[in-house]
Amino acid sequence: MKNQIDQYQTNQRKLTLSVITWIILFAALGLGILNIQYRTWNSIIALFGLALLCVPILILNSYSYYTSSGILLIHLTQK
């Protein structure tokens, strides 16, 4: 019984982290595209960089390294 609960929690963590990462990825891409018209190059580079760094986080999460990918995502979004 405990093993089933642990497996359920692991799956929920992976799913939650995946959804949050996809939201951040699409938000960063969308805001980066919108900022192109204002020519704010620093924010455009930062947003596209964030979107680019979300890809390895999604890959790590798919290989069940959800702790490492969660730590990376937290550090990326704090700054």
C-alpha atoms as a PDB file:
ATOM      1  CA  MET A   1       0.000   0.000   0.000  1.00  0.00           C
ATOM      2  CA  LYS A   2       2.786   2.432   0.892  1.00  0.00           C
ATOM      3  CA  ASN A   3       4.564   1.694  -2.367  1.00  0.00           C
ATOM      4  CA  GLN A   4       1.422   2.644  -4.328  1.00  0.00           C
ATOM      5  CA  ILE A   5       1.160   5.948  -2.466  1.00  0.00           C
ATOM      6  CA  ASP A   6       4.824   6.717  -3.128  1.00  0.00           C
ATOM      7  CA  GLN A   7       4.367   5.927  -6.822  1.00  0.00           C
ATOM      8  CA  TYR A   8       1.255   8.134  -6.951  1.00  0.00           C
ATOM      9  CA  GLN A   9       3.113  11.030  -5.304  1.00  0.00           C
ATOM     10  CA  THR A  10       6.023  10.631  -7.703  1.00  0.00           C
ATOM     11  CA  ASN A  11       3.698  10.715 -10.704  1.00  0.00           C
ATOM     12  CA  GLN A  12       1.905  13.777  -9.333  1.00  0.00           C
ATOM     13  CA  ARG A  13       5.221  15.598  -8.810  1.00  0.00           C
ATOM     14  CA  LYS A  14       6.338  14.825 -12.353  1.00  0.00           C
ATOM     15  CA  LEU A  15       2.997  15.924 -13.800  1.00  0.00           C
ATOM     16  CA  THR A  16       2.837  19.138 -11.766  1.00  0.00           C
ATOM     17  CA  LEU A  17       6.408  20.108 -12.629  1.00  0.00           C
ATOM     18  CA  SER A  18       5.790  19.343 -16.293  1.00  0.00           C
ATOM     19  CA  VAL A  19       2.664  21.521 -16.422  1.00  0.00           C
ATOM     20  CA  ILE A  20       4.396  24.414 -14.656  1.00  0.00           C
ATOM     21  CA  THR A  21       7.404  24.167 -16.974  1.00  0.00           C
ATOM     22  CA  TRP A  22       5.204  24.163 -20.094  1.00  0.00           C
ATOM     23  CA  ILE A  23       3.330  27.225 -18.811  1.00  0.00           C
ATOM     24  CA  ILE A  24       6.600  29.071 -18.187  1.00  0.00           C
ATOM     25  CA  LEU A  25       7.904  28.016 -21.605  1.00  0.00           C
ATOM     26  CA  PHE A  26       4.840  29.313 -23.474  1.00  0.00           C
ATOM     27  CA  ALA A  27       4.639  32.486 -21.375  1.00  0.00           C
ATOM     28  CA  ALA A  28       8.304  33.279 -21.996  1.00  0.00           C
ATOM     29  CA  LEU A  29       7.933  32.681 -25.734  1.00  0.00           C
ATOM     30  CA  GLY A  30       4.753  34.750 -25.931  1.00  0.00           C
ATOM     31  CA  LEU A  31       6.158  37.656 -23.953  1.00  0.00           C
ATOM     32  CA  GLY A  32       9.404  37.506 -25.904  1.00  0.00           C
ATOM     33  CA  ILE A  33       7.506  37.766 -29.178  1.00  0.00           C
ATOM     34  CA  LEU A  34       5.423  40.663 -27.853  1.00  0.00           C
ATOM     35  CA  ASN A  35       8.538  42.499 -26.675  1.00  0.00           C
ATOM     36  CA  ILE A  36      10.026  42.395 -30.170  1.00  0.00           C
ATOM     37  CA  GLN A  37       7.738  45.246 -31.208  1.00  0.00           C
ATOM     38  CA  TYR A  38       9.036  47.407 -28.344  1.00  0.00           C
ATOM     39  CA  ARG A  39      12.663  46.574 -29.160  1.00  0.00           C
ATOM     40  CA  THR A  40      13.630  45.906 -25.544  1.00  0.00           C
ATOM     41  CA  TRP A  41      16.491  43.611 -26.427  1.00  0.00           C
ATOM     42  CA  ASN A  42      17.584  42.789 -22.879  1.00  0.00           C
ATOM     43  CA  SER A  43      14.163  41.444 -21.944  1.00  0.00           C
ATOM     44  CA  ILE A  44      13.809  39.650 -25.273  1.00  0.00           C
ATOM     45  CA  ILE A  45      17.106  37.841 -24.761  1.00  0.00           C
ATOM     46  CA  ALA A  46      16.194  37.005 -21.156  1.00  0.00           C
ATOM     47  CA  LEU A  47      12.762  35.639 -22.088  1.00  0.00           C
ATOM     48  CA  PHE A  48      14.007  33.555 -25.006  1.00  0.00           C
ATOM     49  CA  GLY A  49      16.863  32.326 -22.821  1.00  0.00           C
ATOM     50  CA  LEU A  50      14.363  31.252 -20.184  1.00  0.00           C
ATOM     51  CA  ALA A  51      12.313  29.459 -22.820  1.00  0.00           C
ATOM     52  CA  LEU A  52      15.429  27.755 -24.148  1.00  0.00           C
ATOM     53  CA  LEU A  53      16.436  26.572 -20.672  1.00  0.00           C
ATOM     54  CA  CYS A  54      12.969  25.111 -20.059  1.00  0.00           C
ATOM     55  CA  VAL A  55      13.670  22.430 -22.674  1.00  0.00           C
ATOM     56  CA  PRO A  56      16.401  20.606 -20.670  1.00  0.00           C
ATOM     57  CA  ILE A  57      14.184  20.868 -17.596  1.00  0.00           C
ATOM     58  CA  LEU A  58      11.398  19.079 -19.455  1.00  0.00           C
ATOM     59  CA  ILE A  59      13.860  16.419 -20.621  1.00  0.00           C
ATOM     60  CA  LEU A  60      15.212  15.887 -17.100  1.00  0.00           C
ATOM     61  CA  ASN A  61      11.674  15.643 -15.765  1.00  0.00           C
ATOM     62  CA  SER A  62      10.741  13.039 -18.368  1.00  0.00           C
ATOM     63  CA  TYR A  63      13.658  10.880 -17.216  1.00  0.00           C
ATOM     64  CA  SER A  64      12.398  11.047 -13.593  1.00  0.00           C
ATOM     65  CA  TYR A  65      14.979  13.554 -12.395  1.00  0.00           C
ATOM     66  CA  TYR A  66      12.177  15.721 -11.061  1.00  0.00           C
ATOM     67  CA  THR A  67      14.144  16.920  -8.041  1.00  0.00           C
ATOM     68  CA  SER A  68      16.995  18.240 -10.182  1.00  0.00           C
ATOM     69  CA  SER A  69      14.644  19.766 -12.712  1.00  0.00           C
ATOM     70  CA  GLY A  70      12.595  21.396  -9.962  1.00  0.00           C
ATOM     71  CA  ILE A  71      15.690  22.959  -8.423  1.00  0.00           C
ATOM     72  CA  LEU A  72      16.799  24.272 -11.830  1.00  0.00           C
ATOM     73  CA  LEU A  73      13.369  25.722 -12.527  1.00  0.00           C
ATOM     74  CA  ILE A  74      13.262  27.479  -9.161  1.00  0.00           C
ATOM     75  CA  HIS A  75      16.687  29.038  -9.729  1.00  0.00           C
ATOM     76  CA  LEU A  76      15.749  30.179 -13.226  1.00  0.00           C
ATOM     77  CA  THR A  77      12.538  31.896 -12.191  1.00  0.00           C
ATOM     78  CA  GLN A  78      13.889  33.585  -9.050  1.00  0.00           C
ATOM     79  CA  LYS A  79      16.047  36.102 -10.877  1.00  0.00           C
END
